[in-house]
Amino acid sequence: MPPGRTVVEFRFPGAPAGKRNWWLVIAPPDVDVCDVDPGHDVAVRVTADLRRMVLVWRGDLSWADAVRAGDVVLDGPSQFRRAVPSWFRPTLFASVPRPAG
Protein backbone atom coordinates (compact mmCIF):
# COMPACT_ATOMS: atom_id res chain seq x y z
CA MET A 1 0.00 0.00 0.00
CA PRO A 2 1.43 3.41 -0.86
CA PRO A 3 2.11 5.80 2.02
CA GLY A 4 -0.64 8.22 2.98
CA ARG A 5 -4.25 7.92 1.89
CA THR A 6 -5.19 5.47 -0.85
CA VAL A 7 -8.72 5.25 -2.24
CA VAL A 8 -9.95 2.14 -4.02
CA GLU A 9 -13.32 2.27 -5.75
CA PHE A 10 -15.28 -0.93 -6.29
CA ARG A 11 -17.96 -0.95 -8.98
CA PHE A 12 -20.52 -3.73 -9.19
CA PRO A 13 -22.57 -2.88 -12.31
CA GLY A 14 -25.10 -5.69 -11.78
CA ALA A 15 -25.94 -4.69 -8.21
CA PRO A 16 -29.13 -2.74 -7.43
CA ALA A 17 -29.00 1.01 -8.03
CA GLY A 18 -27.56 2.79 -5.03
CA LYS A 19 -25.42 -0.23 -4.10
CA ARG A 20 -23.19 -0.42 -7.15
CA ASN A 21 -20.29 1.79 -6.02
CA TRP A 22 -18.23 1.44 -2.86
CA TRP A 23 -15.02 3.14 -1.79
CA LEU A 24 -12.32 2.06 0.61
CA VAL A 25 -10.41 5.00 2.04
CA ILE A 26 -7.21 3.52 3.40
CA ALA A 27 -5.07 5.74 5.62
CA PRO A 28 -3.16 3.37 7.91
CA PRO A 29 -3.99 2.40 10.50
CA ASP A 30 -7.58 3.28 9.52
CA VAL A 31 -9.80 2.00 6.73
CA ASP A 32 -13.20 3.52 6.00
CA VAL A 33 -15.84 1.88 3.81
CA CYS A 34 -18.00 4.45 2.03
CA ASP A 35 -21.20 3.94 0.10
CA VAL A 36 -21.08 7.54 -1.19
CA ASP A 37 -18.15 9.11 -3.01
CA PRO A 38 -15.81 10.43 -0.31
CA GLY A 39 -14.50 13.08 -2.70
CA HIS A 40 -10.87 11.93 -2.75
CA ASP A 41 -8.86 10.99 -5.82
CA VAL A 42 -9.26 7.29 -6.64
CA ALA A 43 -5.97 5.42 -6.95
CA VAL A 44 -7.47 2.36 -8.62
CA ARG A 45 -10.97 1.26 -9.65
CA VAL A 46 -12.07 -2.38 -9.50
CA THR A 47 -15.07 -3.27 -11.68
CA ALA A 48 -16.57 -6.72 -11.38
CA ASP A 49 -19.70 -8.74 -11.05
CA LEU A 50 -20.30 -9.06 -7.31
CA ARG A 51 -20.37 -12.87 -7.51
CA ARG A 52 -16.97 -12.93 -9.26
CA MET A 53 -15.49 -10.57 -6.66
CA VAL A 54 -16.74 -12.88 -3.89
CA LEU A 55 -15.11 -15.85 -5.65
CA VAL A 56 -11.81 -13.95 -5.72
CA TRP A 57 -12.10 -12.94 -2.07
CA ARG A 58 -12.96 -16.52 -1.06
CA GLY A 59 -9.95 -17.83 -2.97
CA ASP A 60 -12.05 -19.84 -5.44
CA LEU A 61 -10.83 -17.69 -8.35
CA SER A 62 -7.39 -16.08 -8.52
CA TRP A 63 -6.98 -12.40 -9.26
CA ALA A 64 -4.85 -13.30 -12.29
CA ASP A 65 -7.49 -15.64 -13.72
CA ALA A 66 -10.31 -13.17 -13.02
CA VAL A 67 -8.46 -10.30 -14.70
CA ARG A 68 -7.33 -12.46 -17.63
CA ALA A 69 -10.94 -13.59 -18.23
CA GLY A 70 -12.22 -10.02 -18.01
CA ASP A 71 -14.31 -10.88 -14.95
CA VAL A 72 -12.47 -8.22 -12.95
CA VAL A 73 -11.26 -5.00 -14.57
CA LEU A 74 -8.65 -2.83 -12.86
CA ASP A 75 -8.35 0.82 -13.90
CA GLY A 76 -5.60 3.12 -12.71
CA PRO A 77 -1.85 3.54 -12.92
CA SER A 78 -0.03 0.28 -13.71
CA GLN A 79 1.79 0.15 -10.37
CA PHE A 80 -1.56 0.19 -8.54
CA ARG A 81 -3.20 -2.30 -10.92
CA ARG A 82 -0.32 -4.71 -10.33
CA ALA A 83 -0.44 -4.16 -6.55
CA VAL A 84 -4.19 -4.66 -5.98
CA PRO A 85 -3.97 -8.47 -5.58
CA SER A 86 -1.40 -8.03 -2.80
CA TRP A 87 -3.62 -5.44 -1.09
CA PHE A 88 -6.71 -7.66 -1.15
CA ARG A 89 -5.71 -11.23 -0.53
CA PRO A 90 -8.27 -13.98 -0.10
CA THR A 91 -9.88 -14.26 3.31
CA LEU A 92 -8.10 -16.34 5.93
CA PHE A 93 -10.97 -18.79 5.63
CA ALA A 94 -10.22 -19.44 1.94
CA SER A 95 -8.14 -22.50 2.85
CA VAL A 96 -10.97 -24.08 4.89
CA PRO A 97 -12.49 -26.93 2.88
CA ARG A 98 -16.11 -26.40 1.92
CA PRO A 99 -18.65 -29.09 1.12
CA ALA A 100 -19.08 -29.79 -2.59
CA GLY A 101 -22.14 -28.45 -4.35
PDB file of N, CA and C in Angstrom:
ATOM      1  N   MET A   1       0.858  -1.169   0.000  1.00  0.00           N
ATOM      2  CA  MET A   1       0.000   0.000   0.000  1.00  0.00           C
ATOM      3  C   MET A   1       0.906   1.235   0.000  1.00  0.00           C
ATOM      4  N   PRO A   2       0.613   2.190  -0.848  1.00  0.00           N
ATOM      5  CA  PRO A   2       1.425   3.410  -0.855  1.00  0.00           C
ATOM      6  C   PRO A   2       1.265   4.175   0.464  1.00  0.00           C
ATOM      7  N   PRO A   3       2.243   5.010   0.794  1.00  0.00           N
ATOM      8  CA  PRO A   3       2.108   5.803   2.018  1.00  0.00           C
ATOM      9  C   PRO A   3       0.978   6.824   1.873  1.00  0.00           C
ATOM     10  N   GLY A   4       0.439   7.236   3.001  1.00  0.00           N
ATOM     11  CA  GLY A   4      -0.642   8.220   2.981  1.00  0.00           C
ATOM     12  C   GLY A   4      -1.972   7.582   2.671  1.00  0.00           C
ATOM     13  N   ARG A   5      -2.886   8.382   2.177  1.00  0.00           N
ATOM     14  CA  ARG A   5      -4.248   7.923   1.889  1.00  0.00           C
ATOM     15  C   ARG A   5      -4.312   7.302   0.491  1.00  0.00           C
ATOM     16  N   THR A   6      -4.946   6.149   0.419  1.00  0.00           N
ATOM     17  CA  THR A   6      -5.192   5.470  -0.851  1.00  0.00           C
ATOM     18  C   THR A   6      -6.673   5.164  -0.931  1.00  0.00           C
ATOM     19  N   VAL A   7      -7.288   5.512  -2.050  1.00  0.00           N
ATOM     20  CA  VAL A   7      -8.718   5.251  -2.239  1.00  0.00           C
ATOM     21  C   VAL A   7      -8.878   4.226  -3.362  1.00  0.00           C
ATOM     22  N   VAL A   8      -9.634   3.178  -3.050  1.00  0.00           N
ATOM     23  CA  VAL A   8      -9.955   2.141  -4.023  1.00  0.00           C
ATOM     24  C   VAL A   8     -11.466   2.151  -4.198  1.00  0.00           C
ATOM     25  N   GLU A   9     -11.885   2.294  -5.441  1.00  0.00           N
ATOM     26  CA  GLU A   9     -13.324   2.266  -5.747  1.00  0.00           C
ATOM     27  C   GLU A   9     -13.680   0.896  -6.297  1.00  0.00           C
ATOM     28  N   PHE A  10     -14.755   0.331  -5.782  1.00  0.00           N
ATOM     29  CA  PHE A  10     -15.283  -0.930  -6.288  1.00  0.00           C
ATOM     30  C   PHE A  10     -16.596  -0.629  -6.979  1.00  0.00           C
ATOM     31  N   ARG A  11     -16.724  -1.106  -8.214  1.00  0.00           N
ATOM     32  CA  ARG A  11     -17.964  -0.945  -8.978  1.00  0.00           C
ATOM     33  C   ARG A  11     -18.537  -2.328  -9.277  1.00  0.00           C
ATOM     34  N   PHE A  12     -19.803  -2.479  -8.934  1.00  0.00           N
ATOM     35  CA  PHE A  12     -20.515  -3.728  -9.186  1.00  0.00           C
ATOM     36  C   PHE A  12     -21.720  -3.393 -10.068  1.00  0.00           C
ATOM     37  N   PRO A  13     -21.528  -3.353 -11.403  1.00  0.00           N
ATOM     38  CA  PRO A  13     -22.574  -2.882 -12.313  1.00  0.00           C
ATOM     39  C   PRO A  13     -23.893  -3.639 -12.213  1.00  0.00           C
ATOM     40  N   GLY A  14     -23.876  -4.908 -11.840  1.00  0.00           N
ATOM     41  CA  GLY A  14     -25.097  -5.687 -11.780  1.00  0.00           C
ATOM     42  C   GLY A  14     -25.861  -5.563 -10.470  1.00  0.00           C
ATOM     43  N   ALA A  15     -25.286  -4.850  -9.509  1.00  0.00           N
ATOM     44  CA  ALA A  15     -25.942  -4.687  -8.205  1.00  0.00           C
ATOM     45  C   ALA A  15     -27.096  -3.688  -8.336  1.00  0.00           C
ATOM     46  N   PRO A  16     -28.022  -3.705  -7.390  1.00  0.00           N
ATOM     47  CA  PRO A  16     -29.129  -2.740  -7.430  1.00  0.00           C
ATOM     48  C   PRO A  16     -28.615  -1.303  -7.397  1.00  0.00           C
ATOM     49  N   ALA A  17     -29.358  -0.411  -8.037  1.00  0.00           N
ATOM     50  CA  ALA A  17     -28.999   1.012  -8.031  1.00  0.00           C
ATOM     51  C   ALA A  17     -28.821   1.473  -6.591  1.00  0.00           C
ATOM     52  N   GLY A  18     -27.847   2.291  -6.365  1.00  0.00           N
ATOM     53  CA  GLY A  18     -27.562   2.791  -5.026  1.00  0.00           C
ATOM     54  C   GLY A  18     -26.625   1.900  -4.240  1.00  0.00           C
ATOM     55  N   LYS A  19     -26.336   0.700  -4.776  1.00  0.00           N
ATOM     56  CA  LYS A  19     -25.425  -0.229  -4.098  1.00  0.00           C
ATOM     57  C   LYS A  19     -24.326  -0.707  -5.035  1.00  0.00           C
ATOM     58  N   ARG A  20     -24.154   0.010  -6.127  1.00  0.00           N
ATOM     59  CA  ARG A  20     -23.193  -0.415  -7.148  1.00  0.00           C
ATOM     60  C   ARG A  20     -21.773   0.060  -6.879  1.00  0.00           C
ATOM     61  N   ASN A  21     -21.626   1.190  -6.219  1.00  0.00           N
ATOM     62  CA  ASN A  21     -20.294   1.786  -6.020  1.00  0.00           C
ATOM     63  C   ASN A  21     -19.961   1.863  -4.542  1.00  0.00           C
ATOM     64  N   TRP A  22     -18.745   1.425  -4.226  1.00  0.00           N
ATOM     65  CA  TRP A  22     -18.235   1.443  -2.856  1.00  0.00           C
ATOM     66  C   TRP A  22     -16.792   1.932  -2.901  1.00  0.00           C
ATOM     67  N   TRP A  23     -16.381   2.620  -1.868  1.00  0.00           N
ATOM     68  CA  TRP A  23     -15.017   3.137  -1.787  1.00  0.00           C
ATOM     69  C   TRP A  23     -14.380   2.682  -0.489  1.00  0.00           C
ATOM     70  N   LEU A  24     -13.128   2.289  -0.577  1.00  0.00           N
ATOM     71  CA  LEU A  24     -12.318   2.063   0.612  1.00  0.00           C
ATOM     72  C   LEU A  24     -11.329   3.212   0.688  1.00  0.00           C
ATOM     73  N   VAL A  25     -11.354   3.926   1.799  1.00  0.00           N
ATOM     74  CA  VAL A  25     -10.406   5.003   2.037  1.00  0.00           C
ATOM     75  C   VAL A  25      -9.420   4.445   3.063  1.00  0.00           C
ATOM     76  N   ILE A  26      -8.216   4.191   2.586  1.00  0.00           N
ATOM     77  CA  ILE A  26      -7.207   3.518   3.400  1.00  0.00           C
ATOM     78  C   ILE A  26      -6.148   4.545   3.790  1.00  0.00           C
ATOM     79  N   ALA A  27      -6.076   4.825   5.066  1.00  0.00           N
ATOM     80  CA  ALA A  27      -5.072   5.737   5.620  1.00  0.00           C
ATOM     81  C   ALA A  27      -4.570   5.079   6.897  1.00  0.00           C
ATOM     82  N   PRO A  28      -3.582   4.165   6.754  1.00  0.00           N
ATOM     83  CA  PRO A  28      -3.163   3.368   7.906  1.00  0.00           C
ATOM     84  C   PRO A  28      -2.954   4.224   9.143  1.00  0.00           C
ATOM     85  N   PRO A  29      -3.456   3.744  10.255  1.00  0.00           N
ATOM     86  CA  PRO A  29      -3.995   2.404  10.502  1.00  0.00           C
ATOM     87  C   PRO A  29      -5.500   2.283  10.265  1.00  0.00           C
ATOM     88  N   ASP A  30      -6.131   3.285   9.689  1.00  0.00           N
ATOM     89  CA  ASP A  30      -7.584   3.278   9.523  1.00  0.00           C
ATOM     90  C   ASP A  30      -8.004   2.921   8.105  1.00  0.00           C
ATOM     91  N   VAL A  31      -9.164   2.286   8.016  1.00  0.00           N
ATOM     92  CA  VAL A  31      -9.803   2.002   6.730  1.00  0.00           C
ATOM     93  C   VAL A  31     -11.274   2.343   6.893  1.00  0.00           C
ATOM     94  N   ASP A  32     -11.779   3.170   6.000  1.00  0.00           N
ATOM     95  CA  ASP A  32     -13.198   3.516   6.001  1.00  0.00           C
ATOM     96  C   ASP A  32     -13.849   2.940   4.759  1.00  0.00           C
ATOM     97  N   VAL A  33     -15.033   2.371   4.923  1.00  0.00           N
ATOM     98  CA  VAL A  33     -15.844   1.879   3.812  1.00  0.00           C
ATOM     99  C   VAL A  33     -16.927   2.915   3.588  1.00  0.00           C
ATOM    100  N   CYS A  34     -17.024   3.401   2.352  1.00  0.00           N
ATOM    101  CA  CYS A  34     -17.996   4.452   2.029  1.00  0.00           C
ATOM    102  C   CYS A  34     -18.947   3.968   0.947  1.00  0.00           C
ATOM    103  N   ASP A  35     -20.233   4.268   1.133  1.00  0.00           N
ATOM    104  CA  ASP A  35     -21.204   3.944   0.096  1.00  0.00           C
ATOM    105  C   ASP A  35     -21.619   5.193  -0.685  1.00  0.00           C
ATOM    106  N   VAL A  36     -20.961   6.313  -0.399  1.00  0.00           N
ATOM    107  CA  VAL A  36     -21.075   7.541  -1.194  1.00  0.00           C
ATOM    108  C   VAL A  36     -19.652   8.012  -1.475  1.00  0.00           C
ATOM    109  N   ASP A  37     -19.475   8.649  -2.597  1.00  0.00           N
ATOM    110  CA  ASP A  37     -18.150   9.107  -3.011  1.00  0.00           C
ATOM    111  C   ASP A  37     -17.561  10.011  -1.928  1.00  0.00           C
ATOM    112  N   PRO A  38     -16.404   9.631  -1.375  1.00  0.00           N
ATOM    113  CA  PRO A  38     -15.806  10.430  -0.309  1.00  0.00           C
ATOM    114  C   PRO A  38     -15.144  11.713  -0.820  1.00  0.00           C
ATOM    115  N   GLY A  39     -15.038  11.852  -2.143  1.00  0.00           N
ATOM    116  CA  GLY A  39     -14.498  13.082  -2.701  1.00  0.00           C
ATOM    117  C   GLY A  39     -12.985  13.122  -2.822  1.00  0.00           C
ATOM    118  N   HIS A  40     -12.325  12.003  -2.612  1.00  0.00           N
ATOM    119  CA  HIS A  40     -10.870  11.931  -2.746  1.00  0.00           C
ATOM    120  C   HIS A  40     -10.515  11.319  -4.097  1.00  0.00           C
ATOM    121  N   ASP A  41      -9.321  11.609  -4.589  1.00  0.00           N
ATOM    122  CA  ASP A  41      -8.860  10.987  -5.821  1.00  0.00           C
ATOM    123  C   ASP A  41      -8.810   9.472  -5.644  1.00  0.00           C
ATOM    124  N   VAL A  42      -9.270   8.748  -6.658  1.00  0.00           N
ATOM    125  CA  VAL A  42      -9.264   7.289  -6.644  1.00  0.00           C
ATOM    126  C   VAL A  42      -7.944   6.809  -7.228  1.00  0.00           C
ATOM    127  N   ALA A  43      -7.240   5.964  -6.479  1.00  0.00           N
ATOM    128  CA  ALA A  43      -5.969   5.415  -6.953  1.00  0.00           C
ATOM    129  C   ALA A  43      -6.194   4.316  -7.980  1.00  0.00           C
ATOM    130  N   VAL A  44      -7.168   3.463  -7.710  1.00  0.00           N
ATOM    131  CA  VAL A  44      -7.475   2.358  -8.616  1.00  0.00           C
ATOM    132  C   VAL A  44      -8.952   2.018  -8.478  1.00  0.00           C
ATOM    133  N   ARG A  45      -9.550   1.629  -9.604  1.00  0.00           N
ATOM    134  CA  ARG A  45     -10.968   1.262  -9.650  1.00  0.00           C
ATOM    135  C   ARG A  45     -11.053  -0.215 -10.019  1.00  0.00           C
ATOM    136  N   VAL A  46     -11.850  -0.957  -9.264  1.00  0.00           N
ATOM    137  CA  VAL A  46     -12.074  -2.378  -9.501  1.00  0.00           C
ATOM    138  C   VAL A  46     -13.526  -2.536  -9.948  1.00  0.00           C
ATOM    139  N   THR A  47     -13.728  -3.052 -11.156  1.00  0.00           N
ATOM    140  CA  THR A  47     -15.073  -3.268 -11.677  1.00  0.00           C
ATOM    141  C   THR A  47     -15.262  -4.764 -11.878  1.00  0.00           C
ATOM    142  N   ALA A  48     -16.336  -5.285 -11.292  1.00  0.00           N
ATOM    143  CA  ALA A  48     -16.568  -6.723 -11.381  1.00  0.00           C
ATOM    144  C   ALA A  48     -18.023  -7.034 -11.063  1.00  0.00           C
ATOM    145  N   ASP A  49     -18.451  -8.187 -11.510  1.00  0.00           N
ATOM    146  CA  ASP A  49     -19.705  -8.744 -11.046  1.00  0.00           C
ATOM    147  C   ASP A  49     -19.489  -9.104  -9.576  1.00  0.00           C
ATOM    148  N   LEU A  50     -20.450  -8.813  -8.741  1.00  0.00           N
ATOM    149  CA  LEU A  50     -20.300  -9.060  -7.307  1.00  0.00           C
ATOM    150  C   LEU A  50     -19.975 -10.527  -7.026  1.00  0.00           C
ATOM    151  N   ARG A  51     -20.625 -11.428  -7.712  1.00  0.00           N
ATOM    152  CA  ARG A  51     -20.366 -12.871  -7.509  1.00  0.00           C
ATOM    153  C   ARG A  51     -18.913 -13.207  -7.814  1.00  0.00           C
ATOM    154  N   ARG A  52     -18.375 -12.666  -8.900  1.00  0.00           N
ATOM    155  CA  ARG A  52     -16.974 -12.927  -9.257  1.00  0.00           C
ATOM    156  C   ARG A  52     -16.030 -12.360  -8.204  1.00  0.00           C
ATOM    157  N   MET A  53     -16.350 -11.175  -7.689  1.00  0.00           N
ATOM    158  CA  MET A  53     -15.494 -10.569  -6.662  1.00  0.00           C
ATOM    159  C   MET A  53     -15.501 -11.422  -5.399  1.00  0.00           C
ATOM    160  N   VAL A  54     -16.655 -11.981  -5.057  1.00  0.00           N
ATOM    161  CA  VAL A  54     -16.736 -12.875  -3.889  1.00  0.00           C
ATOM    162  C   VAL A  54     -15.895 -14.125  -4.127  1.00  0.00           C
ATOM    163  N   LEU A  55     -15.927 -14.670  -5.337  1.00  0.00           N
ATOM    164  CA  LEU A  55     -15.107 -15.849  -5.648  1.00  0.00           C
ATOM    165  C   LEU A  55     -13.623 -15.542  -5.490  1.00  0.00           C
ATOM    166  N   VAL A  56     -13.210 -14.351  -5.899  1.00  0.00           N
ATOM    167  CA  VAL A  56     -11.805 -13.951  -5.724  1.00  0.00           C
ATOM    168  C   VAL A  56     -11.489 -13.835  -4.240  1.00  0.00           C
ATOM    169  N   TRP A  57     -12.334 -13.154  -3.494  1.00  0.00           N
ATOM    170  CA  TRP A  57     -12.099 -12.944  -2.067  1.00  0.00           C
ATOM    171  C   TRP A  57     -12.064 -14.272  -1.309  1.00  0.00           C
ATOM    172  N   ARG A  58     -12.924 -15.212  -1.713  1.00  0.00           N
ATOM    173  CA  ARG A  58     -12.965 -16.525  -1.061  1.00  0.00           C
ATOM    174  C   ARG A  58     -11.796 -17.407  -1.470  1.00  0.00           C
ATOM    175  N   GLY A  59     -11.067 -17.020  -2.513  1.00  0.00           N
ATOM    176  CA  GLY A  59      -9.951 -17.826  -2.974  1.00  0.00           C
ATOM    177  C   GLY A  59     -10.340 -18.880  -3.981  1.00  0.00           C
ATOM    178  N   ASP A  60     -11.595 -18.868  -4.446  1.00  0.00           N
ATOM    179  CA  ASP A  60     -12.052 -19.840  -5.442  1.00  0.00           C
ATOM    180  C   ASP A  60     -11.620 -19.459  -6.851  1.00  0.00           C
ATOM    181  N   LEU A  61     -11.264 -18.216  -7.056  1.00  0.00           N
ATOM    182  CA  LEU A  61     -10.826 -17.694  -8.348  1.00  0.00           C
ATOM    183  C   LEU A  61      -9.664 -16.749  -8.074  1.00  0.00           C
ATOM    184  N   SER A  62      -8.551 -16.952  -8.761  1.00  0.00           N
ATOM    185  CA  SER A  62      -7.393 -16.083  -8.523  1.00  0.00           C
ATOM    186  C   SER A  62      -7.599 -14.728  -9.188  1.00  0.00           C
ATOM    187  N   TRP A  63      -6.940 -13.722  -8.634  1.00  0.00           N
ATOM    188  CA  TRP A  63      -6.975 -12.398  -9.257  1.00  0.00           C
ATOM    189  C   TRP A  63      -6.517 -12.499 -10.699  1.00  0.00           C
ATOM    190  N   ALA A  64      -5.408 -13.202 -10.932  1.00  0.00           N
ATOM    191  CA  ALA A  64      -4.853 -13.298 -12.290  1.00  0.00           C
ATOM    192  C   ALA A  64      -5.864 -13.906 -13.254  1.00  0.00           C
ATOM    193  N   ASP A  65      -6.502 -14.996 -12.845  1.00  0.00           N
ATOM    194  CA  ASP A  65      -7.486 -15.642 -13.721  1.00  0.00           C
ATOM    195  C   ASP A  65      -8.702 -14.741 -13.950  1.00  0.00           C
ATOM    196  N   ALA A  66      -9.146 -14.056 -12.895  1.00  0.00           N
ATOM    197  CA  ALA A  66     -10.314 -13.172 -13.018  1.00  0.00           C
ATOM    198  C   ALA A  66     -10.026 -12.002 -13.949  1.00  0.00           C
ATOM    199  N   VAL A  67      -8.839 -11.430 -13.835  1.00  0.00           N
ATOM    200  CA  VAL A  67      -8.458 -10.303 -14.702  1.00  0.00           C
ATOM    201  C   VAL A  67      -8.268 -10.793 -16.132  1.00  0.00           C
ATOM    202  N   ARG A  68      -7.587 -11.909 -16.287  1.00  0.00           N
ATOM    203  CA  ARG A  68      -7.331 -12.455 -17.628  1.00  0.00           C
ATOM    204  C   ARG A  68      -8.638 -12.744 -18.356  1.00  0.00           C
ATOM    205  N   ALA A  69      -9.636 -13.251 -17.632  1.00  0.00           N
ATOM    206  CA  ALA A  69     -10.936 -13.591 -18.233  1.00  0.00           C
ATOM    207  C   ALA A  69     -11.815 -12.368 -18.445  1.00  0.00           C
ATOM    208  N   GLY A  70     -11.402 -11.225 -17.893  1.00  0.00           N
ATOM    209  CA  GLY A  70     -12.222 -10.023 -18.008  1.00  0.00           C
ATOM    210  C   GLY A  70     -13.324  -9.954 -16.973  1.00  0.00           C
ATOM    211  N   ASP A  71     -13.304 -10.880 -16.010  1.00  0.00           N
ATOM    212  CA  ASP A  71     -14.310 -10.879 -14.947  1.00  0.00           C
ATOM    213  C   ASP A  71     -14.088  -9.748 -13.956  1.00  0.00           C
ATOM    214  N   VAL A  72     -12.845  -9.348 -13.808  1.00  0.00           N
ATOM    215  CA  VAL A  72     -12.471  -8.222 -12.954  1.00  0.00           C
ATOM    216  C   VAL A  72     -11.628  -7.281 -13.804  1.00  0.00           C
ATOM    217  N   VAL A  73     -11.995  -6.012 -13.806  1.00  0.00           N
ATOM    218  CA  VAL A  73     -11.259  -5.000 -14.575  1.00  0.00           C
ATOM    219  C   VAL A  73     -10.662  -4.013 -13.580  1.00  0.00           C
ATOM    220  N   LEU A  74      -9.364  -3.771 -13.720  1.00  0.00           N
ATOM    221  CA  LEU A  74      -8.652  -2.835 -12.858  1.00  0.00           C
ATOM    222  C   LEU A  74      -8.278  -1.613 -13.685  1.00  0.00           C
ATOM    223  N   ASP A  75      -8.668  -0.431 -13.212  1.00  0.00           N
ATOM    224  CA  ASP A  75      -8.354   0.817 -13.898  1.00  0.00           C
ATOM    225  C   ASP A  75      -7.545   1.698 -12.964  1.00  0.00           C
ATOM    226  N   GLY A  76      -6.454   2.229 -13.487  1.00  0.00           N
ATOM    227  CA  GLY A  76      -5.605   3.115 -12.713  1.00  0.00           C
ATOM    228  C   GLY A  76      -4.172   2.963 -13.185  1.00  0.00           C
ATOM    229  N   PRO A  77      -3.252   3.662 -12.545  1.00  0.00           N
ATOM    230  CA  PRO A  77      -1.845   3.540 -12.922  1.00  0.00           C
ATOM    231  C   PRO A  77      -1.368   2.087 -12.791  1.00  0.00           C
ATOM    232  N   SER A  78      -0.465   1.682 -13.660  1.00  0.00           N
ATOM    233  CA  SER A  78      -0.034   0.284 -13.708  1.00  0.00           C
ATOM    234  C   SER A  78       0.513  -0.210 -12.380  1.00  0.00           C
ATOM    235  N   GLN A  79       1.238   0.633 -11.634  1.00  0.00           N
ATOM    236  CA  GLN A  79       1.788   0.154 -10.368  1.00  0.00           C
ATOM    237  C   GLN A  79       0.674  -0.198  -9.376  1.00  0.00           C
ATOM    238  N   PHE A  80      -0.447   0.508  -9.429  1.00  0.00           N
ATOM    239  CA  PHE A  80      -1.562   0.190  -8.544  1.00  0.00           C
ATOM    240  C   PHE A  80      -2.316  -1.039  -9.051  1.00  0.00           C
ATOM    241  N   ARG A  81      -2.516  -1.122 -10.365  1.00  0.00           N
ATOM    242  CA  ARG A  81      -3.205  -2.301 -10.922  1.00  0.00           C
ATOM    243  C   ARG A  81      -2.457  -3.579 -10.564  1.00  0.00           C
ATOM    244  N   ARG A  82      -1.136  -3.532 -10.666  1.00  0.00           N
ATOM    245  CA  ARG A  82      -0.322  -4.707 -10.330  1.00  0.00           C
ATOM    246  C   ARG A  82      -0.367  -5.013  -8.831  1.00  0.00           C
ATOM    247  N   ALA A  83      -0.508  -3.985  -8.007  1.00  0.00           N
ATOM    248  CA  ALA A  83      -0.444  -4.163  -6.554  1.00  0.00           C
ATOM    249  C   ALA A  83      -1.764  -4.614  -5.930  1.00  0.00           C
ATOM    250  N   VAL A  84      -2.881  -4.362  -6.583  1.00  0.00           N
ATOM    251  CA  VAL A  84      -4.188  -4.662  -5.981  1.00  0.00           C
ATOM    252  C   VAL A  84      -4.281  -6.087  -5.428  1.00  0.00           C
ATOM    253  N   PRO A  85      -3.848  -7.126  -6.155  1.00  0.00           N
ATOM    254  CA  PRO A  85      -3.969  -8.473  -5.577  1.00  0.00           C
ATOM    255  C   PRO A  85      -3.215  -8.637  -4.253  1.00  0.00           C
ATOM    256  N   SER A  86      -2.128  -7.927  -4.073  1.00  0.00           N
ATOM    257  CA  SER A  86      -1.404  -8.033  -2.797  1.00  0.00           C
ATOM    258  C   SER A  86      -2.091  -7.224  -1.700  1.00  0.00           C
ATOM    259  N   TRP A  87      -2.873  -6.222  -2.080  1.00  0.00           N
ATOM    260  CA  TRP A  87      -3.622  -5.436  -1.095  1.00  0.00           C
ATOM    261  C   TRP A  87      -4.836  -6.189  -0.595  1.00  0.00           C
ATOM    262  N   PHE A  88      -5.454  -6.971  -1.470  1.00  0.00           N
ATOM    263  CA  PHE A  88      -6.710  -7.656  -1.148  1.00  0.00           C
ATOM    264  C   PHE A  88      -6.540  -9.152  -1.377  1.00  0.00           C
ATOM    265  N   ARG A  89      -5.925  -9.779  -0.435  1.00  0.00           N
ATOM    266  CA  ARG A  89      -5.706 -11.227  -0.526  1.00  0.00           C
ATOM    267  C   ARG A  89      -6.974 -11.955  -0.090  1.00  0.00           C
ATOM    268  N   PRO A  90      -7.087 -13.213  -0.521  1.00  0.00           N
ATOM    269  CA  PRO A  90      -8.274 -13.979  -0.100  1.00  0.00           C
ATOM    270  C   PRO A  90      -8.395 -14.021   1.429  1.00  0.00           C
ATOM    271  N   THR A  91      -9.616 -14.154   1.893  1.00  0.00           N
ATOM    272  CA  THR A  91      -9.884 -14.259   3.314  1.00  0.00           C
ATOM    273  C   THR A  91      -9.080 -15.392   3.938  1.00  0.00           C
ATOM    274  N   LEU A  92      -8.809 -15.280   5.218  1.00  0.00           N
ATOM    275  CA  LEU A  92      -8.097 -16.338   5.932  1.00  0.00           C
ATOM    276  C   LEU A  92      -8.854 -17.660   5.878  1.00  0.00           C
ATOM    277  N   PHE A  93     -10.163 -17.588   5.674  1.00  0.00           N
ATOM    278  CA  PHE A  93     -10.975 -18.794   5.628  1.00  0.00           C
ATOM    279  C   PHE A  93     -10.962 -19.456   4.254  1.00  0.00           C
ATOM    280  N   ALA A  94     -10.244 -18.891   3.298  1.00  0.00           N
ATOM    281  CA  ALA A  94     -10.219 -19.435   1.940  1.00  0.00           C
ATOM    282  C   ALA A  94      -9.665 -20.860   1.925  1.00  0.00           C
ATOM    283  N   SER A  95      -8.760 -21.170   2.844  1.00  0.00           N
ATOM    284  CA  SER A  95      -8.142 -22.495   2.852  1.00  0.00           C
ATOM    285  C   SER A  95      -8.998 -23.540   3.570  1.00  0.00           C
ATOM    286  N   VAL A  96     -10.101 -23.135   4.189  1.00  0.00           N
ATOM    287  CA  VAL A  96     -10.971 -24.081   4.889  1.00  0.00           C
ATOM    288  C   VAL A  96     -11.789 -24.841   3.852  1.00  0.00           C
ATOM    289  N   PRO A  97     -11.709 -26.166   3.864  1.00  0.00           N
ATOM    290  CA  PRO A  97     -12.490 -26.931   2.885  1.00  0.00           C
ATOM    291  C   PRO A  97     -13.989 -26.690   3.054  1.00  0.00           C
ATOM    292  N   ARG A  98     -14.664 -26.585   1.923  1.00  0.00           N
ATOM    293  CA  ARG A  98     -16.106 -26.403   1.918  1.00  0.00           C
ATOM    294  C   ARG A  98     -16.759 -27.619   1.296  1.00  0.00           C
ATOM    295  N   PRO A  99     -17.962 -27.944   1.725  1.00  0.00           N
ATOM    296  CA  PRO A  99     -18.646 -29.091   1.123  1.00  0.00           C
ATOM    297  C   PRO A  99     -18.884 -28.852  -0.365  1.00  0.00           C
ATOM    298  N   ALA A 100     -18.823 -29.898  -1.146  1.00  0.00           N
ATOM    299  CA  ALA A 100     -19.084 -29.791  -2.594  1.00  0.00           C
ATOM    300  C   ALA A 100     -20.550 -29.453  -2.823  1.00  0.00           C
ATOM    301  N   GLY A 101     -20.769 -28.727  -3.948  1.00  0.00           N
ATOM    302  CA  GLY A 101     -22.145 -28.448  -4.351  1.00  0.00           C
ATOM    303  C   GLY A 101     -22.736 -27.340  -3.571  1.00  0.00           C
TER     304      GLY A 101
END
